[in-house]
């Protein structure tokens, strides 16, 4: 019985890792698209997960809601923060730190 539990735990961890990598790739893509749309530079080509918790999707099913932080620049010198929230495999929302256009 302990062996079965160990195998199931390992399978769940592998699934969580794989699902997290897919969500991260989508968050990077979403951050790049938002920055390109607004004429901004997506910095470091990466996102950082800052929050992970269960939530219900629009169909009422349980999914993982992940919040990723990234950095962008409007002038190539100053770094600003942005956030992409993923619900399962879908982008739920995004936010860019305000900046002044000169």
N, C-alpha and C. Protein backbone atom coordinates (compact mmCIF):
# COMPACT_ATOMS: atom_id res chain seq x y z
N UNK A 1 0.83 -1.20 0.00
CA UNK A 1 0.00 0.00 0.00
C UNK A 1 0.87 1.26 0.00
N UNK A 2 1.96 1.24 0.76
CA UNK A 2 2.86 2.39 0.83
C UNK A 2 3.53 2.64 -0.52
N UNK A 3 3.81 1.55 -1.25
CA UNK A 3 4.42 1.69 -2.56
C UNK A 3 3.47 2.37 -3.54
N UNK A 4 2.22 1.99 -3.49
CA UNK A 4 1.22 2.61 -4.37
C UNK A 4 1.09 4.09 -4.06
N UNK A 5 1.05 4.42 -2.79
CA UNK A 5 0.96 5.82 -2.38
C UNK A 5 2.18 6.60 -2.85
N UNK A 6 3.36 5.99 -2.76
CA UNK A 6 4.59 6.65 -3.23
C UNK A 6 4.54 6.89 -4.73
N UNK A 7 4.08 5.91 -5.49
CA UNK A 7 3.98 6.05 -6.94
C UNK A 7 2.97 7.13 -7.30
N UNK A 8 1.83 7.14 -6.64
CA UNK A 8 0.81 8.17 -6.90
C UNK A 8 1.32 9.56 -6.55
N UNK A 9 2.04 9.69 -5.46
CA UNK A 9 2.61 10.97 -5.06
C UNK A 9 3.63 11.44 -6.10
N UNK A 10 4.47 10.54 -6.55
CA UNK A 10 5.47 10.88 -7.56
C UNK A 10 4.78 11.29 -8.87
N UNK A 11 3.75 10.57 -9.25
CA UNK A 11 3.01 10.91 -10.48
C UNK A 11 2.38 12.30 -10.36
N UNK A 12 1.83 12.61 -9.20
CA UNK A 12 1.22 13.93 -8.99
C UNK A 12 2.27 15.03 -9.07
N UNK A 13 3.43 14.79 -8.52
CA UNK A 13 4.51 15.79 -8.57
C UNK A 13 5.02 15.99 -10.00
N UNK A 14 5.14 14.90 -10.74
CA UNK A 14 5.56 15.01 -12.14
C UNK A 14 4.52 15.79 -12.93
N UNK A 15 3.23 15.51 -12.72
CA UNK A 15 2.17 16.25 -13.41
C UNK A 15 2.22 17.73 -13.04
N UNK A 16 2.39 18.05 -11.76
CA UNK A 16 2.46 19.45 -11.34
C UNK A 16 3.63 20.16 -12.00
N UNK A 17 4.79 19.51 -12.05
CA UNK A 17 5.96 20.10 -12.70
C UNK A 17 5.69 20.35 -14.18
N UNK A 18 5.16 19.36 -14.89
CA UNK A 18 4.88 19.49 -16.32
C UNK A 18 3.84 20.58 -16.58
N UNK A 19 2.77 20.57 -15.81
CA UNK A 19 1.72 21.58 -15.97
C UNK A 19 2.26 22.98 -15.67
N UNK A 20 3.12 23.09 -14.68
CA UNK A 20 3.71 24.38 -14.33
C UNK A 20 4.63 24.90 -15.43
N UNK A 21 5.38 24.02 -16.08
CA UNK A 21 6.25 24.44 -17.18
C UNK A 21 5.42 24.94 -18.37
N UNK A 22 4.32 24.26 -18.67
CA UNK A 22 3.43 24.70 -19.75
C UNK A 22 2.81 26.06 -19.43
N UNK A 23 2.35 26.23 -18.20
CA UNK A 23 1.75 27.51 -17.80
C UNK A 23 2.79 28.62 -17.84
N UNK A 24 4.01 28.33 -17.42
CA UNK A 24 5.09 29.33 -17.45
C UNK A 24 5.38 29.76 -18.88
N UNK A 25 5.45 28.80 -19.80
CA UNK A 25 5.69 29.14 -21.21
C UNK A 25 4.58 30.04 -21.76
N UNK A 26 3.36 29.75 -21.39
CA UNK A 26 2.24 30.60 -21.84
C UNK A 26 2.30 31.98 -21.20
N UNK A 27 2.73 32.05 -19.95
CA UNK A 27 2.86 33.35 -19.28
C UNK A 27 3.96 34.19 -19.94
N UNK A 28 5.07 33.56 -20.30
CA UNK A 28 6.14 34.28 -21.01
C UNK A 28 5.61 34.81 -22.33
N UNK A 29 4.91 33.96 -23.07
CA UNK A 29 4.34 34.37 -24.36
C UNK A 29 3.37 35.53 -24.19
N UNK A 30 2.50 35.45 -23.18
CA UNK A 30 1.53 36.53 -22.93
C UNK A 30 2.24 37.82 -22.56
N UNK A 31 3.27 37.75 -21.73
CA UNK A 31 4.03 38.94 -21.35
C UNK A 31 4.69 39.58 -22.56
N UNK A 32 5.27 38.75 -23.43
CA UNK A 32 5.89 39.28 -24.64
C UNK A 32 4.86 39.95 -25.55
N UNK A 33 3.70 39.32 -25.70
CA UNK A 33 2.66 39.89 -26.56
C UNK A 33 2.15 41.23 -26.03
N UNK A 34 1.94 41.31 -24.73
CA UNK A 34 1.46 42.56 -24.13
C UNK A 34 2.51 43.65 -24.33
N UNK A 35 3.76 43.33 -24.09
CA UNK A 35 4.83 44.32 -24.26
C UNK A 35 4.95 44.75 -25.72
N UNK A 36 4.90 43.81 -26.65
CA UNK A 36 5.00 44.14 -28.07
C UNK A 36 3.83 45.03 -28.49
N UNK A 37 2.65 44.71 -28.00
CA UNK A 37 1.46 45.50 -28.33
C UNK A 37 1.60 46.95 -27.88
N UNK A 38 2.23 47.15 -26.72
CA UNK A 38 2.35 48.49 -26.15
C UNK A 38 3.70 49.15 -26.46
N UNK A 39 4.51 48.53 -27.31
CA UNK A 39 5.80 49.11 -27.69
C UNK A 39 6.82 49.09 -26.56
N UNK A 40 6.78 48.06 -25.73
CA UNK A 40 7.68 47.94 -24.59
C UNK A 40 8.63 46.78 -24.79
N UNK A 41 9.71 46.77 -24.02
CA UNK A 41 10.68 45.68 -24.07
C UNK A 41 10.40 44.70 -22.93
N UNK A 42 10.20 43.44 -23.28
CA UNK A 42 10.06 42.37 -22.29
C UNK A 42 11.46 41.97 -21.87
N UNK A 43 11.81 42.19 -20.60
CA UNK A 43 13.20 42.00 -20.15
C UNK A 43 13.46 40.58 -19.64
N UNK A 44 14.66 40.11 -19.86
CA UNK A 44 15.19 38.85 -19.33
C UNK A 44 14.51 37.60 -19.89
N UNK A 45 13.52 37.76 -20.75
CA UNK A 45 12.86 36.63 -21.41
C UNK A 45 12.36 35.58 -20.42
N UNK A 46 11.86 36.03 -19.27
CA UNK A 46 11.42 35.08 -18.26
C UNK A 46 10.34 35.69 -17.35
N UNK A 47 9.67 34.81 -16.62
CA UNK A 47 8.70 35.20 -15.61
C UNK A 47 9.05 34.46 -14.32
N UNK A 48 8.56 34.98 -13.21
CA UNK A 48 8.81 34.38 -11.90
C UNK A 48 7.47 34.13 -11.22
N UNK A 49 7.24 32.90 -10.80
CA UNK A 49 5.98 32.60 -10.12
C UNK A 49 6.03 33.19 -8.71
N UNK A 50 4.95 33.89 -8.35
CA UNK A 50 4.91 34.50 -7.03
C UNK A 50 3.73 33.98 -6.20
N UNK A 51 2.78 33.31 -6.85
CA UNK A 51 1.64 32.79 -6.11
C UNK A 51 1.04 31.62 -6.87
N UNK A 52 0.60 30.62 -6.13
CA UNK A 52 -0.02 29.43 -6.71
C UNK A 52 -1.11 28.97 -5.75
N UNK A 53 -2.34 28.85 -6.26
CA UNK A 53 -3.42 28.40 -5.40
C UNK A 53 -4.55 27.82 -6.25
N UNK A 54 -5.37 26.94 -5.68
CA UNK A 54 -6.48 26.36 -6.43
C UNK A 54 -7.62 27.37 -6.59
N UNK A 55 -8.31 27.26 -7.71
CA UNK A 55 -9.46 28.14 -8.00
C UNK A 55 -10.38 27.41 -8.97
N UNK A 56 -11.56 27.93 -9.15
CA UNK A 56 -12.50 27.35 -10.11
C UNK A 56 -12.44 28.14 -11.41
N UNK A 57 -12.44 27.41 -12.53
CA UNK A 57 -12.46 28.07 -13.83
C UNK A 57 -13.91 28.44 -14.19
N UNK A 58 -14.15 29.10 -15.31
CA UNK A 58 -15.52 29.50 -15.65
C UNK A 58 -16.51 28.33 -15.78
N UNK A 59 -16.00 27.13 -16.04
CA UNK A 59 -16.86 25.94 -16.12
C UNK A 59 -17.14 25.34 -14.75
N UNK A 60 -16.55 25.90 -13.71
CA UNK A 60 -16.75 25.39 -12.36
C UNK A 60 -15.79 24.30 -11.95
N UNK A 61 -14.84 23.97 -12.82
CA UNK A 61 -13.86 22.93 -12.50
C UNK A 61 -12.68 23.53 -11.74
N UNK A 62 -12.06 22.69 -10.91
CA UNK A 62 -10.88 23.14 -10.17
C UNK A 62 -9.70 23.25 -11.12
N UNK A 63 -8.94 24.31 -10.95
CA UNK A 63 -7.72 24.54 -11.73
C UNK A 63 -6.74 25.27 -10.83
N UNK A 64 -5.52 25.38 -11.28
CA UNK A 64 -4.53 26.13 -10.53
C UNK A 64 -4.43 27.54 -11.08
N UNK A 65 -4.51 28.50 -10.18
CA UNK A 65 -4.31 29.91 -10.54
C UNK A 65 -2.89 30.26 -10.15
N UNK A 66 -2.13 30.71 -11.16
CA UNK A 66 -0.73 31.06 -10.94
C UNK A 66 -0.52 32.54 -11.26
N UNK A 67 0.18 33.22 -10.40
CA UNK A 67 0.54 34.61 -10.65
C UNK A 67 2.03 34.67 -10.93
N UNK A 68 2.37 35.25 -12.09
CA UNK A 68 3.76 35.38 -12.51
C UNK A 68 4.12 36.86 -12.59
N UNK A 69 5.32 37.18 -12.17
CA UNK A 69 5.84 38.55 -12.27
C UNK A 69 6.91 38.57 -13.34
N UNK A 70 6.96 39.69 -14.08
CA UNK A 70 8.01 39.88 -15.08
C UNK A 70 8.41 41.34 -15.09
N UNK A 71 9.48 41.65 -15.80
CA UNK A 71 9.93 43.03 -15.89
C UNK A 71 9.94 43.48 -17.34
N UNK A 72 9.66 44.76 -17.52
CA UNK A 72 9.67 45.35 -18.85
C UNK A 72 10.28 46.73 -18.75
N UNK A 73 10.58 47.32 -19.89
CA UNK A 73 11.13 48.67 -19.92
C UNK A 73 10.49 49.44 -21.05
N UNK A 74 10.30 50.72 -20.81
CA UNK A 74 9.78 51.59 -21.87
C UNK A 74 10.89 52.34 -22.57
N UNK A 75 12.06 52.45 -21.91
CA UNK A 75 13.16 53.21 -22.50
C UNK A 75 14.48 52.44 -22.56
N UNK A 76 14.47 51.19 -22.14
CA UNK A 76 15.69 50.39 -22.16
C UNK A 76 16.57 50.58 -20.95
N UNK A 77 16.26 51.55 -20.09
CA UNK A 77 17.10 51.83 -18.92
C UNK A 77 16.37 51.48 -17.61
N UNK A 78 15.13 51.89 -17.49
CA UNK A 78 14.38 51.66 -16.26
C UNK A 78 13.59 50.36 -16.34
N UNK A 79 13.61 49.61 -15.25
CA UNK A 79 12.84 48.38 -15.15
C UNK A 79 11.51 48.67 -14.47
N UNK A 80 10.46 48.11 -15.02
CA UNK A 80 9.12 48.20 -14.43
C UNK A 80 8.59 46.79 -14.26
N UNK A 81 7.62 46.64 -13.39
CA UNK A 81 7.06 45.32 -13.12
C UNK A 81 5.74 45.09 -13.83
N UNK A 82 5.52 43.85 -14.18
CA UNK A 82 4.26 43.43 -14.76
C UNK A 82 3.84 42.11 -14.13
N UNK A 83 2.56 41.79 -14.25
CA UNK A 83 2.01 40.57 -13.67
C UNK A 83 1.11 39.90 -14.70
N UNK A 84 1.25 38.59 -14.82
CA UNK A 84 0.34 37.77 -15.64
C UNK A 84 -0.28 36.75 -14.70
N UNK A 85 -1.61 36.66 -14.71
CA UNK A 85 -2.31 35.66 -13.90
C UNK A 85 -2.88 34.61 -14.86
N UNK A 86 -2.50 33.37 -14.60
CA UNK A 86 -2.96 32.24 -15.40
C UNK A 86 -3.96 31.43 -14.58
N UNK A 87 -5.06 31.04 -15.20
CA UNK A 87 -6.01 30.13 -14.58
C UNK A 87 -6.00 28.86 -15.42
N UNK A 88 -5.39 27.83 -14.91
CA UNK A 88 -5.15 26.64 -15.71
C UNK A 88 -4.18 27.00 -16.82
N UNK A 89 -4.59 26.76 -18.07
CA UNK A 89 -3.74 27.05 -19.22
C UNK A 89 -4.09 28.39 -19.87
N UNK A 90 -5.04 29.11 -19.32
CA UNK A 90 -5.51 30.35 -19.93
C UNK A 90 -5.03 31.58 -19.17
N UNK A 91 -4.74 32.64 -19.93
CA UNK A 91 -4.40 33.92 -19.31
C UNK A 91 -5.69 34.50 -18.75
N UNK A 92 -5.68 34.76 -17.47
CA UNK A 92 -6.86 35.34 -16.82
C UNK A 92 -6.79 36.87 -16.82
N UNK A 93 -5.60 37.39 -16.52
CA UNK A 93 -5.45 38.85 -16.51
C UNK A 93 -3.96 39.19 -16.57
N UNK A 94 -3.70 40.45 -16.83
CA UNK A 94 -2.34 40.96 -16.78
C UNK A 94 -2.37 42.41 -16.36
N UNK A 95 -1.27 42.86 -15.81
CA UNK A 95 -1.18 44.24 -15.31
C UNK A 95 0.23 44.73 -15.52
N UNK A 96 0.36 45.95 -15.98
CA UNK A 96 1.67 46.59 -16.15
C UNK A 96 1.77 47.75 -15.18
N UNK A 97 2.92 47.85 -14.51
CA UNK A 97 3.18 48.99 -13.63
C UNK A 97 3.10 50.26 -14.48
N UNK A 98 2.44 51.25 -13.98
CA UNK A 98 2.30 52.49 -14.77
C UNK A 98 3.64 53.18 -14.94
N UNK A 99 3.76 53.89 -16.03
CA UNK A 99 4.97 54.61 -16.34
C UNK A 99 4.58 55.87 -17.11
N UNK A 100 5.45 56.84 -17.08
CA UNK A 100 5.20 58.10 -17.78
C UNK A 100 5.85 58.07 -19.14
N UNK A 101 5.10 58.34 -20.18
CA UNK A 101 5.66 58.44 -21.52
C UNK A 101 6.25 59.82 -21.67
N UNK A 102 7.47 59.91 -22.17
CA UNK A 102 8.11 61.21 -22.33
C UNK A 102 8.11 61.62 -23.79
